[in-house]
Amino acid sequence: MLPKQLTQTADLNLDFYKKRAKALLKSARAGDPVANARLKRYGADGEPALHAAQLAVAREQGFASWPRFQAFITESNLDFRELVDRFLAAATSDERRARDILAEHPDIAHAGTYVALVLGDWEKVADAIAADPEFAVEPSGPQGVEPLVYACFSRFGRPNSERAARLAMTVRLLLNNGADPNTALAADHGPLSCLYAASGLLGNTEITRILLEAGADPNDGESLYHATEHRDLTCMKLLLEHGARVDEANAIKHMLDREDREGLRLLLDAGGDPNLANAQGDTALHWAVRRGRSAAIVAMLLDAGADIDAVRGDGRTAYAMAVVAGQRAVAGTLASRGADTRLSALDAVVAGQGGEVPPESAASPANARLLPQLAEHGNIGAVEALLKAGVSVDARGDMGETALHQACWRGNVALIRLLLAYGAPLDAVECSFNATPSGWLHHGATNCGHGDYAEGARLLIAAGVSDWTEPSGNPAMDAVLREKGLI
């Protein structure tokens, strides 16, 4: 149903509303009191900006944000077939958007077999197979992929979804009719299997079990790695029971990205090697320190045979890393177990033990990479010590991230302030996700959740950031973004 302010004809022209927003902005900047009052009515403050004018126009039409207004107009101008295709694309990538489209256009739920695949309407899928047995195995539909991909990648398959059980039945039906359990979706960085979707992406234990029992390969390079991300370890256990190889998946280091003793124990007991090093020379022990794991986790690795004095690519041992990062309990555990406790001159200064930083140390690329790592641990004193010693605030970590990326990911307001004061670049793009610090703040607001993301957003906006267009999912941060007219 359309908001009362709009009709289904001329008013559904997006260019018309873009021009209205620009005209409103022009009037506000010219000092028009009516135009400025319209902006302030929806929370704008300071110098008039385009995003504030767009928000005012959208709110006056009955929408919460400009992006939602844009999406409404775009979809209202699509024919029904295009709407169905858009829904299918969202159903396999963005559950919130898919649910929004379905709520706005409920008839889509009855729009054919491909919709039935992503919604788990297995009875309709069974009818399609009865009419054409090849349907279960042939790539088809708007995305040109096998039906099993639609069902396994459907975001409606999350364990808490009302459609999860029906999607499991749909997957079983397709497999019973010849679908290949190792079917994969082509992606930029390599194929993503249906097993990855079930076990790693969604954490759906029933679909994971069905695929494995049908012969899905647990060593697909993705499933075990991503299964470590779920608090419920059932999918990970299923993969290990069916022969997943721990070291091939880099599973131990990824498990160390969070504090989970049970998960780590499962991987070590399954044969994981704590001394396997990555390209930077990090063993599991180095990684545990880098990711801020507890002394108990470190002790588990040592008990499993981790080399206590292994040196990584920058010349540091796990002990040196712990001291520099301010992880006293971990450093104490390592020292008590016989670690070499010698420190370089730079590490001693950063650790607050006095002395001076040699100029060549501050200029060293290896030491520059330390800055984002210290930011990752929230060690503000050590970060400031490195900056004062001459390390660039734009120094990059292993993923091409800056210290500001790490501070934003954790919503560390004090650290964000410090880095902005030193001129941290707002437009720095890291190489893993091609994201700026504001992107890390946006993603961290719901996927990390440790800090004050609302205040972090205020600081970045005050510094000139205005590139958010979608809600983060964090209510406090989203309130700030709405207040500033960005969503």
Protein backbone atom coordinates (compact mmCIF):
# COMPACT_ATOMS: atom_id res chain seq x y z
CA MET A 1 0.00 0.00 0.00
CA LEU A 2 1.34 3.42 -0.97
CA PRO A 3 1.79 6.22 1.58
CA LYS A 4 -0.99 8.75 1.20
CA GLN A 5 1.40 11.43 -0.08
CA LEU A 6 2.22 9.44 -3.24
CA THR A 7 0.30 8.29 -6.27
CA GLN A 8 1.23 5.48 -8.64
CA THR A 9 2.05 7.76 -11.57
CA ALA A 10 4.20 10.88 -11.73
CA ASP A 11 5.02 10.90 -8.03
CA LEU A 12 7.01 7.66 -8.42
CA ASN A 13 9.82 9.42 -10.28
CA LEU A 14 13.03 9.30 -8.24
CA ASP A 15 14.71 12.05 -10.26
CA PHE A 16 11.86 14.38 -9.29
CA TYR A 17 12.60 13.86 -5.59
CA LYS A 18 16.35 14.14 -6.08
CA LYS A 19 15.77 17.56 -7.65
CA ARG A 20 13.48 18.52 -4.76
CA ALA A 21 16.19 17.63 -2.26
CA LYS A 22 18.79 19.67 -4.16
CA ALA A 23 16.40 22.62 -4.39
CA LEU A 24 15.73 22.41 -0.65
CA LEU A 25 19.46 22.36 0.04
CA LYS A 26 20.05 25.36 -2.21
CA SER A 27 17.33 27.35 -0.43
CA ALA A 28 18.65 26.40 3.01
CA ARG A 29 22.18 27.47 2.10
CA ALA A 30 20.78 30.75 0.82
CA GLY A 31 19.33 31.38 4.28
CA ASP A 32 15.67 30.66 3.56
CA PRO A 33 14.12 30.28 7.06
CA VAL A 34 11.37 27.92 5.84
CA ALA A 35 13.90 25.61 4.18
CA ASN A 36 16.12 25.59 7.26
CA ALA A 37 13.12 24.88 9.48
CA ARG A 38 12.28 21.85 7.30
CA LEU A 39 15.81 20.51 7.77
CA LYS A 40 15.86 21.10 11.52
CA ARG A 41 12.48 19.42 11.92
CA TYR A 42 14.20 16.12 11.13
CA GLY A 43 17.31 16.58 13.24
CA ALA A 44 19.72 18.47 10.97
CA ASP A 45 22.23 20.76 12.64
CA GLY A 46 25.24 22.73 11.50
CA GLU A 47 25.89 23.55 7.85
CA PRO A 48 23.07 22.36 5.53
CA ALA A 49 24.04 19.12 3.77
CA LEU A 50 22.54 17.09 0.93
CA HIS A 51 21.90 14.03 3.10
CA ALA A 52 19.86 16.20 5.50
CA ALA A 53 17.78 17.57 2.62
CA GLN A 54 17.19 14.06 1.29
CA LEU A 55 16.07 12.91 4.74
CA ALA A 56 13.63 15.81 5.01
CA VAL A 57 12.12 14.99 1.61
CA ALA A 58 11.82 11.30 2.51
CA ARG A 59 10.28 11.99 5.93
CA GLU A 60 7.76 14.37 4.37
CA GLN A 61 6.66 11.51 2.13
CA GLY A 62 6.16 9.19 5.09
CA PHE A 63 9.45 7.23 5.05
CA ALA A 64 12.00 6.77 7.83
CA SER A 65 15.02 7.35 5.61
CA TRP A 66 16.12 8.36 2.12
CA PRO A 67 17.44 4.84 1.27
CA ARG A 68 14.07 3.30 2.16
CA PHE A 69 12.30 5.95 0.08
CA GLN A 70 14.63 5.20 -2.85
CA ALA A 71 14.02 1.46 -2.55
CA PHE A 72 10.26 1.97 -2.43
CA ILE A 73 10.18 4.07 -5.59
CA THR A 74 12.53 1.73 -7.44
CA GLU A 75 10.50 -1.34 -6.55
CA SER A 76 7.18 0.37 -7.25
CA ASN A 77 8.35 0.95 -10.81
CA LEU A 78 9.27 -2.70 -11.35
CA ASP A 79 6.91 -5.19 -12.91
CA PHE A 80 5.99 -8.23 -10.83
CA ARG A 81 8.55 -10.53 -12.46
CA GLU A 82 11.34 -8.08 -11.66
CA LEU A 83 10.11 -7.87 -8.07
CA VAL A 84 10.26 -11.65 -7.76
CA ASP A 85 13.82 -11.70 -9.12
CA ARG A 86 14.80 -9.00 -6.66
CA PHE A 87 13.25 -10.98 -3.82
CA LEU A 88 15.14 -14.12 -4.83
CA ALA A 89 18.42 -12.22 -4.90
CA ALA A 90 17.71 -10.81 -1.43
CA ALA A 91 16.59 -14.17 -0.04
CA THR A 92 20.04 -15.62 -0.76
CA SER A 93 22.00 -12.61 0.51
CA ASP A 94 20.03 -10.21 2.74
CA GLU A 95 17.29 -11.65 4.95
CA ARG A 96 16.10 -8.26 6.23
CA ARG A 97 15.61 -6.93 2.72
CA ALA A 98 13.93 -10.15 1.62
CA ARG A 99 11.47 -9.94 4.51
CA ASP A 100 10.78 -6.28 3.73
CA ILE A 101 9.99 -7.09 0.09
CA LEU A 102 7.77 -10.00 1.12
CA ALA A 103 5.91 -7.83 3.61
CA GLU A 104 5.34 -5.12 0.98
CA HIS A 105 4.39 -7.63 -1.73
CA PRO A 106 2.93 -10.77 -0.06
CA ASP A 107 1.82 -12.24 -3.40
CA ILE A 108 5.49 -12.99 -4.10
CA ALA A 109 5.22 -15.97 -1.72
CA HIS A 110 3.08 -17.70 -4.37
CA ALA A 111 5.17 -16.69 -7.38
CA GLY A 112 6.51 -20.02 -8.54
CA THR A 113 8.97 -22.78 -7.82
CA TYR A 114 12.10 -20.70 -7.23
CA VAL A 115 10.36 -18.72 -4.52
CA ALA A 116 9.23 -22.06 -3.09
CA LEU A 117 12.88 -23.17 -2.99
CA VAL A 118 14.04 -20.22 -0.85
CA LEU A 119 10.95 -20.31 1.40
CA GLY A 120 11.01 -24.07 1.95
CA ASP A 121 7.65 -24.79 0.35
CA TRP A 122 8.77 -28.32 -0.42
CA GLU A 123 5.35 -29.47 -1.64
CA LYS A 124 5.58 -27.08 -4.61
CA VAL A 125 9.14 -28.22 -5.26
CA ALA A 126 7.94 -31.84 -5.24
CA ASP A 127 5.29 -30.94 -7.82
CA ALA A 128 7.95 -29.35 -10.03
CA ILE A 129 10.13 -32.48 -9.82
CA ALA A 130 7.15 -34.72 -10.60
CA ALA A 131 6.46 -32.66 -13.72
CA ASP A 132 10.14 -32.58 -14.75
CA PRO A 133 12.60 -34.87 -12.91
CA GLU A 134 15.55 -32.92 -14.35
CA PHE A 135 14.46 -29.86 -12.36
CA ALA A 136 16.19 -31.22 -9.24
CA VAL A 137 19.63 -31.23 -10.87
CA GLU A 138 19.76 -28.67 -13.67
CA PRO A 139 20.94 -25.04 -13.21
CA SER A 140 17.98 -22.76 -13.85
CA GLY A 141 16.02 -19.79 -12.61
CA PRO A 142 16.99 -16.10 -12.49
CA GLN A 143 20.39 -16.85 -10.92
CA GLY A 144 21.20 -19.75 -13.23
CA VAL A 145 22.16 -22.13 -10.41
CA GLU A 146 21.05 -25.56 -9.21
CA PRO A 147 17.89 -25.67 -7.07
CA LEU A 148 19.98 -26.94 -4.13
CA VAL A 149 21.84 -23.62 -4.10
CA TYR A 150 18.61 -21.63 -3.74
CA ALA A 151 17.51 -23.81 -0.82
CA CYS A 152 20.85 -24.00 1.01
CA PHE A 153 21.80 -20.34 0.62
CA SER A 154 18.35 -19.08 1.60
CA ARG A 155 18.73 -16.78 4.60
CA PHE A 156 15.37 -18.11 5.75
CA GLY A 157 17.37 -21.21 6.74
CA ARG A 158 18.85 -19.63 9.86
CA PRO A 159 18.19 -21.94 12.84
CA ASN A 160 15.75 -19.53 14.51
CA SER A 161 13.74 -18.97 11.32
CA GLU A 162 10.17 -20.19 11.12
CA ARG A 163 11.08 -21.72 7.74
CA ALA A 164 14.26 -23.59 8.74
CA ALA A 165 12.60 -27.00 9.18
CA ARG A 166 10.78 -26.74 5.85
CA LEU A 167 14.01 -25.78 4.09
CA ALA A 168 15.68 -28.87 5.54
CA MET A 169 12.87 -30.96 4.06
CA THR A 170 13.36 -29.19 0.73
CA VAL A 171 17.09 -29.99 0.76
CA ARG A 172 16.40 -33.65 1.54
CA LEU A 173 13.84 -33.81 -1.27
CA LEU A 174 16.31 -32.42 -3.82
CA LEU A 175 19.08 -34.80 -2.72
CA ASN A 176 16.71 -37.77 -2.88
CA ASN A 177 15.99 -36.79 -6.47
CA GLY A 178 19.58 -36.64 -7.65
CA ALA A 179 20.94 -33.26 -6.54
CA ASP A 180 24.71 -33.27 -6.00
CA PRO A 181 25.53 -32.64 -2.30
CA ASN A 182 28.77 -30.94 -3.41
CA THR A 183 26.97 -28.36 -5.52
CA ALA A 184 28.59 -24.94 -5.12
CA LEU A 185 27.89 -21.32 -5.93
CA ALA A 186 30.48 -19.55 -8.07
CA ALA A 187 32.03 -16.59 -6.24
CA ASP A 188 34.83 -14.10 -6.84
CA HIS A 189 37.29 -15.86 -4.52
CA GLY A 190 36.34 -19.42 -5.44
CA PRO A 191 33.28 -21.70 -5.24
CA LEU A 192 31.17 -21.69 -2.09
CA SER A 193 29.59 -25.05 -1.39
CA CYS A 194 26.09 -25.71 -0.16
CA LEU A 195 27.73 -27.30 2.89
CA TYR A 196 29.49 -24.00 3.60
CA ALA A 197 26.12 -22.22 3.41
CA ALA A 198 24.52 -24.63 5.86
CA SER A 199 27.35 -25.10 8.37
CA GLY A 200 29.35 -21.90 8.12
CA LEU A 201 27.03 -19.18 6.89
CA LEU A 202 23.79 -20.16 8.57
CA GLY A 203 24.79 -22.63 11.29
CA ASN A 204 21.88 -24.91 10.39
CA THR A 205 22.72 -28.25 11.99
CA GLU A 206 19.92 -30.23 10.33
CA ILE A 207 20.80 -29.19 6.78
CA THR A 208 24.50 -29.71 7.58
CA ARG A 209 23.74 -33.25 8.74
CA ILE A 210 21.61 -33.99 5.68
CA LEU A 211 24.32 -32.81 3.28
CA LEU A 212 27.11 -34.71 5.03
CA GLU A 213 25.09 -37.92 5.14
CA ALA A 214 24.47 -37.50 1.41
CA GLY A 215 28.21 -37.28 0.74
CA ALA A 216 29.13 -33.60 0.93
CA ASP A 217 32.89 -33.04 1.24
CA PRO A 218 33.74 -31.42 4.61
CA ASN A 219 37.15 -30.37 3.23
CA ASP A 220 35.85 -27.73 0.85
CA GLY A 221 38.14 -24.99 2.18
CA GLU A 222 35.35 -22.98 3.82
CA SER A 223 32.92 -25.04 5.90
CA LEU A 224 35.05 -25.87 8.95
CA TYR A 225 36.69 -22.44 8.98
CA HIS A 226 33.34 -20.66 9.16
CA ALA A 227 31.69 -23.23 11.43
CA THR A 228 34.08 -22.06 14.16
CA GLU A 229 32.20 -18.74 14.17
CA HIS A 230 29.06 -20.19 15.76
CA ARG A 231 28.56 -20.44 19.52
CA ASP A 232 26.66 -23.65 18.91
CA LEU A 233 29.46 -26.07 18.02
CA THR A 234 27.18 -28.78 16.61
CA CYS A 235 27.95 -28.00 12.96
CA MET A 236 31.68 -28.01 13.69
CA LYS A 237 31.38 -31.35 15.49
CA LEU A 238 29.48 -32.83 12.54
CA LEU A 239 32.17 -31.69 10.12
CA LEU A 240 34.93 -33.19 12.28
CA GLU A 241 33.00 -36.45 12.65
CA HIS A 242 32.80 -36.67 8.86
CA GLY A 243 36.54 -36.17 8.34
CA ALA A 244 37.15 -32.43 8.20
CA ARG A 245 40.90 -31.76 8.42
CA VAL A 246 41.66 -29.00 10.92
CA ASP A 247 44.92 -27.64 9.54
CA GLU A 248 43.72 -27.45 5.93
CA ALA A 249 40.95 -25.11 7.05
CA ASN A 250 43.09 -22.84 9.26
CA ALA A 251 40.44 -23.61 11.84
CA ILE A 252 42.52 -23.23 15.01
CA LYS A 253 43.52 -19.64 14.30
CA HIS A 254 39.96 -18.72 13.36
CA MET A 255 38.67 -20.32 16.55
CA LEU A 256 41.17 -18.17 18.43
CA ASP A 257 39.44 -15.10 17.03
CA ARG A 258 37.08 -15.56 19.98
CA GLU A 259 37.28 -17.04 23.48
CA ASP A 260 36.01 -20.61 23.23
CA ARG A 261 37.88 -23.27 25.19
CA GLU A 262 35.52 -26.07 24.21
CA GLY A 263 35.85 -25.27 20.52
CA LEU A 264 39.64 -25.06 20.75
CA ARG A 265 39.78 -28.37 22.62
CA LEU A 266 37.72 -30.05 19.88
CA LEU A 267 40.11 -28.83 17.19
CA LEU A 268 43.25 -29.81 19.10
CA ASP A 269 41.81 -33.25 19.89
CA ALA A 270 41.00 -33.65 16.18
CA GLY A 271 44.69 -33.32 15.34
CA GLY A 272 45.13 -29.59 14.85
CA ASP A 273 48.80 -28.48 14.93
CA PRO A 274 49.37 -25.46 17.24
CA ASN A 275 52.77 -24.84 15.60
CA LEU A 276 51.48 -24.43 12.05
CA ALA A 277 52.55 -20.93 10.93
CA ASN A 278 50.86 -18.59 8.47
CA ALA A 279 52.56 -16.37 5.88
CA GLN A 280 53.49 -13.83 8.58
CA GLY A 281 55.05 -16.54 10.75
CA ASP A 282 52.22 -16.55 13.29
CA THR A 283 51.68 -19.85 15.09
CA ALA A 284 48.53 -20.50 17.10
CA LEU A 285 50.31 -19.14 20.19
CA HIS A 286 51.16 -15.86 18.47
CA TRP A 287 47.61 -15.65 17.16
CA ALA A 288 46.11 -16.24 20.58
CA VAL A 289 48.10 -13.32 21.99
CA ARG A 290 47.33 -11.12 19.03
CA ARG A 291 43.60 -11.75 19.36
CA GLY A 292 43.61 -11.06 23.10
CA ARG A 293 42.83 -14.54 24.30
CA SER A 294 42.99 -15.47 27.98
CA ALA A 295 45.86 -17.02 29.89
CA ALA A 296 43.77 -20.21 30.08
CA ILE A 297 43.66 -20.46 26.28
CA VAL A 298 47.42 -19.84 26.09
CA ALA A 299 47.98 -22.60 28.66
CA MET A 300 45.86 -24.99 26.57
CA LEU A 301 48.07 -24.34 23.54
CA LEU A 302 51.24 -24.86 25.57
CA ASP A 303 49.85 -28.11 26.95
CA ALA A 304 49.16 -29.20 23.36
CA GLY A 305 52.81 -28.69 22.42
CA ALA A 306 52.95 -25.08 21.21
CA ASP A 307 56.55 -23.81 20.88
CA ILE A 308 56.75 -21.14 23.59
CA ASP A 309 59.67 -19.25 22.01
CA ALA A 310 58.64 -19.48 18.34
CA VAL A 311 59.54 -16.23 16.55
CA ARG A 312 57.18 -14.76 14.01
CA GLY A 313 58.02 -12.65 10.97
CA ASP A 314 58.61 -9.40 12.86
CA GLY A 315 61.04 -11.09 15.26
CA ARG A 316 58.68 -11.21 18.23
CA THR A 317 57.88 -14.12 20.47
CA ALA A 318 54.47 -14.59 22.02
CA TYR A 319 55.89 -13.20 25.27
CA ALA A 320 57.09 -9.99 23.60
CA MET A 321 53.72 -9.59 21.91
CA ALA A 322 51.90 -10.01 25.23
CA VAL A 323 54.09 -7.47 27.04
CA VAL A 324 53.75 -4.90 24.25
CA ALA A 325 49.98 -5.40 24.13
CA GLY A 326 49.66 -4.96 27.88
CA GLN A 327 48.38 -8.51 28.43
CA ARG A 328 49.94 -9.00 31.84
CA ALA A 329 48.21 -12.24 32.78
CA VAL A 330 49.23 -13.89 29.51
CA ALA A 331 52.80 -12.57 29.79
CA GLY A 332 52.94 -13.92 33.34
CA THR A 333 51.74 -17.35 32.23
CA LEU A 334 54.34 -17.47 29.45
CA ALA A 335 57.13 -16.36 31.79
CA SER A 336 56.12 -18.95 34.38
CA ARG A 337 56.30 -21.64 31.71
CA GLY A 338 59.87 -20.69 30.77
CA ALA A 339 59.48 -18.18 27.95
CA ASP A 340 62.45 -16.02 26.88
CA THR A 341 61.63 -12.65 28.48
CA ARG A 342 64.10 -10.44 26.62
CA LEU A 343 62.63 -7.39 24.81
CA SER A 344 63.86 -5.13 22.01
CA ALA A 345 64.48 -1.44 22.75
CA LEU A 346 61.26 -0.42 20.99
CA ASP A 347 59.17 -3.06 22.76
CA ALA A 348 60.54 -1.96 26.13
CA VAL A 349 59.52 1.66 25.43
CA VAL A 350 56.05 0.68 24.20
CA ALA A 351 55.62 -1.52 27.26
CA GLY A 352 56.37 1.45 29.50
CA GLN A 353 59.74 0.20 30.69
CA GLY A 354 61.63 3.37 29.73
CA GLY A 355 64.37 4.09 27.23
CA GLU A 356 64.16 5.64 23.77
CA VAL A 357 62.96 4.32 20.44
CA PRO A 358 65.77 4.09 17.89
CA PRO A 359 64.76 6.02 14.71
CA GLU A 360 65.35 2.96 12.56
CA SER A 361 62.89 1.00 14.72
CA ALA A 362 60.11 3.57 14.25
CA ALA A 363 60.66 3.44 10.49
CA SER A 364 60.64 -0.36 10.32
CA PRO A 365 57.66 -1.77 8.35
CA ALA A 366 57.39 -4.61 10.86
CA ASN A 367 57.05 -2.16 13.74
CA ALA A 368 54.65 0.00 11.75
CA ARG A 369 52.37 -3.06 11.45
CA LEU A 370 52.36 -3.19 15.23
CA LEU A 371 50.23 -0.03 15.42
CA PRO A 372 46.98 -1.63 14.13
CA GLN A 373 47.64 -4.68 16.31
CA LEU A 374 47.91 -2.55 19.43
CA ALA A 375 44.73 -0.75 18.41
CA GLU A 376 43.09 -4.16 18.08
CA HIS A 377 43.88 -4.77 21.76
CA GLY A 378 42.76 -1.28 22.76
CA ASN A 379 46.18 -0.46 24.19
CA ILE A 380 45.88 3.33 23.95
CA GLY A 381 49.09 4.07 25.82
CA ALA A 382 51.14 1.85 23.52
CA VAL A 383 49.47 3.29 20.41
CA GLU A 384 50.27 6.81 21.56
CA ALA A 385 53.86 5.81 22.36
CA LEU A 386 54.35 4.54 18.81
CA LEU A 387 52.77 7.64 17.29
CA LYS A 388 55.01 9.88 19.39
CA ALA A 389 58.00 7.80 18.29
CA GLY A 390 57.20 8.63 14.68
CA VAL A 391 55.21 5.66 13.43
CA SER A 392 52.70 6.83 10.80
CA VAL A 393 49.06 6.93 11.86
CA ASP A 394 48.36 5.43 8.42
CA ALA A 395 50.48 2.33 9.17
CA ARG A 396 48.84 -0.82 7.82
CA GLY A 397 48.28 -4.21 9.37
CA ASP A 398 48.23 -7.63 7.75
CA MET A 399 44.85 -6.97 6.12
CA GLY A 400 45.81 -3.50 4.97
CA GLU A 401 43.82 -2.02 7.84
CA THR A 402 44.79 1.06 9.83
CA ALA A 403 44.64 1.52 13.58
CA LEU A 404 41.44 3.52 13.00
CA HIS A 405 39.83 0.48 11.35
CA GLN A 406 40.56 -1.56 14.47
CA ALA A 407 39.37 1.15 16.84
CA CYS A 408 36.13 1.50 14.88
CA TRP A 409 35.52 -2.25 14.79
CA ARG A 410 35.52 -2.26 18.59
CA GLY A 411 33.75 1.07 19.06
CA ASN A 412 36.73 2.24 21.13
CA VAL A 413 35.83 5.92 21.46
CA ALA A 414 38.95 7.04 23.33
CA LEU A 415 41.17 5.44 20.71
CA ILE A 416 39.12 6.85 17.83
CA ARG A 417 39.55 10.34 19.33
CA LEU A 418 43.31 9.86 19.69
CA LEU A 419 43.77 8.61 16.13
CA LEU A 420 41.62 11.39 14.65
CA ALA A 421 43.72 13.91 16.58
CA TYR A 422 46.80 12.48 14.88
CA GLY A 423 45.13 12.84 11.47
CA ALA A 424 44.07 9.26 10.80
CA PRO A 425 42.75 9.00 7.22
CA LEU A 426 39.00 8.47 6.99
CA ASP A 427 39.15 7.13 3.44
CA ALA A 428 41.77 4.41 4.01
CA VAL A 429 40.59 1.15 2.40
CA GLU A 430 41.81 -2.23 3.66
CA CYS A 431 42.37 -5.12 1.27
CA SER A 432 40.15 -7.88 2.68
CA PHE A 433 36.73 -6.24 2.36
CA ASN A 434 37.63 -2.98 0.57
CA ALA A 435 36.14 -1.09 3.49
CA THR A 436 36.95 2.21 5.19
CA PRO A 437 37.05 2.68 8.98
CA SER A 438 33.41 3.79 8.87
CA GLY A 439 32.55 0.45 7.26
CA TRP A 440 34.27 -1.38 10.11
CA LEU A 441 32.32 0.69 12.65
CA HIS A 442 29.06 -0.10 10.85
CA HIS A 443 29.81 -3.84 10.73
CA GLY A 444 31.27 -3.98 14.24
CA ALA A 445 28.15 -2.39 15.72
CA THR A 446 26.33 -5.72 15.47
CA ASN A 447 29.14 -8.23 14.86
CA CYS A 448 31.57 -7.14 17.58
CA GLY A 449 29.45 -5.06 19.91
CA HIS A 450 31.99 -4.27 22.62
CA GLY A 451 32.06 -0.46 22.48
CA ASP A 452 30.14 2.78 22.09
CA TYR A 453 29.26 2.70 18.40
CA ALA A 454 26.84 5.61 18.64
CA GLU A 455 29.55 7.94 19.94
CA GLY A 456 31.99 6.48 17.44
CA ALA A 457 29.57 7.41 14.66
CA ARG A 458 29.25 10.94 16.05
CA LEU A 459 33.04 11.34 16.05
CA LEU A 460 33.40 10.13 12.47
CA ILE A 461 30.50 12.26 11.26
CA ALA A 462 32.04 15.32 12.93
CA ALA A 463 35.29 14.48 11.13
CA GLY A 464 33.50 14.42 7.77
CA VAL A 465 32.17 10.89 7.24
CA SER A 466 28.76 10.66 5.55
CA ASP A 467 28.93 7.37 3.61
CA TRP A 468 26.45 5.28 5.64
CA THR A 469 23.20 4.56 3.79
CA GLU A 470 21.82 1.51 5.62
CA PRO A 471 21.03 0.79 9.27
CA SER A 472 23.74 -1.07 11.16
CA GLY A 473 21.35 -3.08 13.31
CA ASN A 474 22.68 -1.40 16.46
CA PRO A 475 19.77 0.71 17.81
CA ALA A 476 21.94 3.39 19.44
CA MET A 477 24.16 3.85 16.39
CA ASP A 478 21.19 3.81 14.03
CA ALA A 479 19.50 6.52 16.11
CA VAL A 480 22.55 8.73 15.49
CA LEU A 481 22.54 7.94 11.77
CA ARG A 482 18.84 8.83 11.55
CA GLU A 483 19.38 11.97 13.59
CA LYS A 484 22.04 13.02 11.09
CA GLY A 485 19.87 12.07 8.12
CA LEU A 486 22.17 9.36 6.79
CA ILE A 487 19.66 6.49 6.79
